[in-house]
Protein backbone atom coordinates (compact mmCIF):
# COMPACT_ATOMS: atom_id res chain seq x y z
CA ASP A 1 34.66 35.66 -42.23
CA PHE A 2 36.25 37.84 -39.59
CA GLU A 3 36.18 41.59 -40.22
CA THR A 4 38.04 44.32 -38.39
CA TRP A 5 36.42 47.55 -37.32
CA ASP A 6 37.24 50.70 -39.27
CA SER A 7 35.68 53.83 -37.79
CA HIS A 8 36.51 55.80 -40.97
CA SER A 9 34.51 53.50 -43.25
CA PRO A 10 30.86 54.42 -43.96
CA GLN A 11 29.83 50.87 -43.09
CA GLY A 12 32.24 50.77 -40.15
CA ARG A 13 33.93 47.57 -41.28
CA ARG A 14 36.50 46.50 -43.82
CA PRO A 15 37.75 43.05 -44.85
CA GLU A 16 40.57 41.78 -42.69
CA THR A 17 44.10 42.07 -44.04
CA GLN A 18 46.18 38.97 -44.69
CA GLY A 19 48.92 37.82 -42.31
CA PRO A 20 49.16 37.01 -38.62
CA LYS A 21 46.89 38.97 -36.30
CA TYR A 22 48.61 40.41 -33.25
CA CYS A 23 45.47 40.85 -31.16
CA HIS A 24 43.79 37.46 -31.61
CA SER A 25 46.01 35.32 -29.41
CA SER A 26 49.09 35.43 -27.21
CA PHE A 27 52.27 37.37 -27.96
CA ASP A 28 55.90 36.32 -27.77
CA ALA A 29 57.05 39.71 -26.44
CA ILE A 30 56.01 43.36 -26.13
CA THR A 31 58.18 46.42 -25.52
CA VAL A 32 58.04 50.20 -25.95
CA ASP A 33 60.74 52.54 -27.26
CA ARG A 34 61.78 56.02 -26.13
CA GLN A 35 59.22 57.62 -28.49
CA GLN A 36 56.38 55.63 -26.85
CA GLN A 37 56.04 53.37 -29.91
CA LEU A 38 54.82 49.93 -28.83
CA TYR A 39 56.33 46.85 -30.50
CA ILE A 40 54.46 43.54 -30.47
CA PHE A 41 56.31 40.36 -31.45
CA LYS A 42 54.76 37.05 -32.49
CA GLY A 43 56.46 34.25 -34.39
CA SER A 44 58.48 35.73 -37.24
CA HIS A 45 56.54 39.04 -37.38
CA PHE A 46 56.21 42.28 -35.45
CA TRP A 47 53.75 45.18 -35.33
CA GLU A 48 54.28 48.80 -34.37
CA VAL A 49 51.54 50.58 -32.43
CA ALA A 50 51.80 54.37 -32.34
CA ALA A 51 50.78 56.42 -29.32
CA ASP A 52 47.57 57.37 -31.16
CA GLY A 53 46.64 53.68 -31.51
CA ASN A 54 47.45 53.24 -35.21
CA VAL A 55 48.76 49.74 -35.85
CA SER A 56 51.11 48.75 -38.67
CA GLU A 57 50.61 45.76 -40.90
CA PRO A 58 52.58 42.68 -39.77
CA ARG A 59 56.22 42.99 -40.82
CA PRO A 60 58.88 40.25 -40.90
CA LEU A 61 61.39 40.45 -38.05
CA GLN A 62 64.20 40.11 -40.60
CA GLU A 63 63.09 43.35 -42.26
CA ARG A 64 64.33 45.36 -39.28
CA TRP A 65 66.49 42.98 -37.21
CA VAL A 66 68.54 40.81 -39.57
CA GLY A 67 69.43 37.48 -37.96
CA LEU A 68 66.82 37.68 -35.19
CA PRO A 69 65.23 34.23 -34.79
CA PRO A 70 61.45 33.84 -34.59
CA ASN A 71 59.53 33.22 -31.37
CA ILE A 72 61.61 35.42 -29.08
CA GLU A 73 60.68 35.21 -25.40
CA ALA A 74 61.32 38.78 -24.25
CA ALA A 75 62.29 42.18 -25.63
CA ALA A 76 63.52 45.39 -24.04
CA VAL A 77 64.65 48.81 -25.24
CA SER A 78 67.46 50.71 -23.54
CA LEU A 79 66.32 54.11 -22.31
CA ASN A 80 69.94 55.30 -22.58
CA ASP A 81 70.64 54.60 -26.25
CA GLY A 82 67.38 53.22 -27.73
CA ASP A 83 68.94 49.85 -28.62
CA PHE A 84 66.67 46.81 -28.68
CA TYR A 85 67.57 43.69 -26.69
CA PHE A 86 65.98 40.30 -27.37
CA PHE A 87 65.96 37.14 -25.28
CA LYS A 88 65.38 33.55 -26.33
CA ALA A 89 66.04 30.37 -24.36
């Protein structure tokens, strides 16, 4: 079984959480917002990575962007208004 590293655990490791893993293969898109929060997109899920390196659990795209199809090809955030823009062929 795969385990992820947890520096706060006495043993240093904890069982892996369920759901897609953002760091174990390719991504569909990555972008960063005006608050330096990184967004990683893969399939029908996304992750948020804070500036301090904390990573969220995988969340469904539909939870934040209703109607956004899975497997987007690119994402961008406007520095003017903070709006997200997604691209899919």
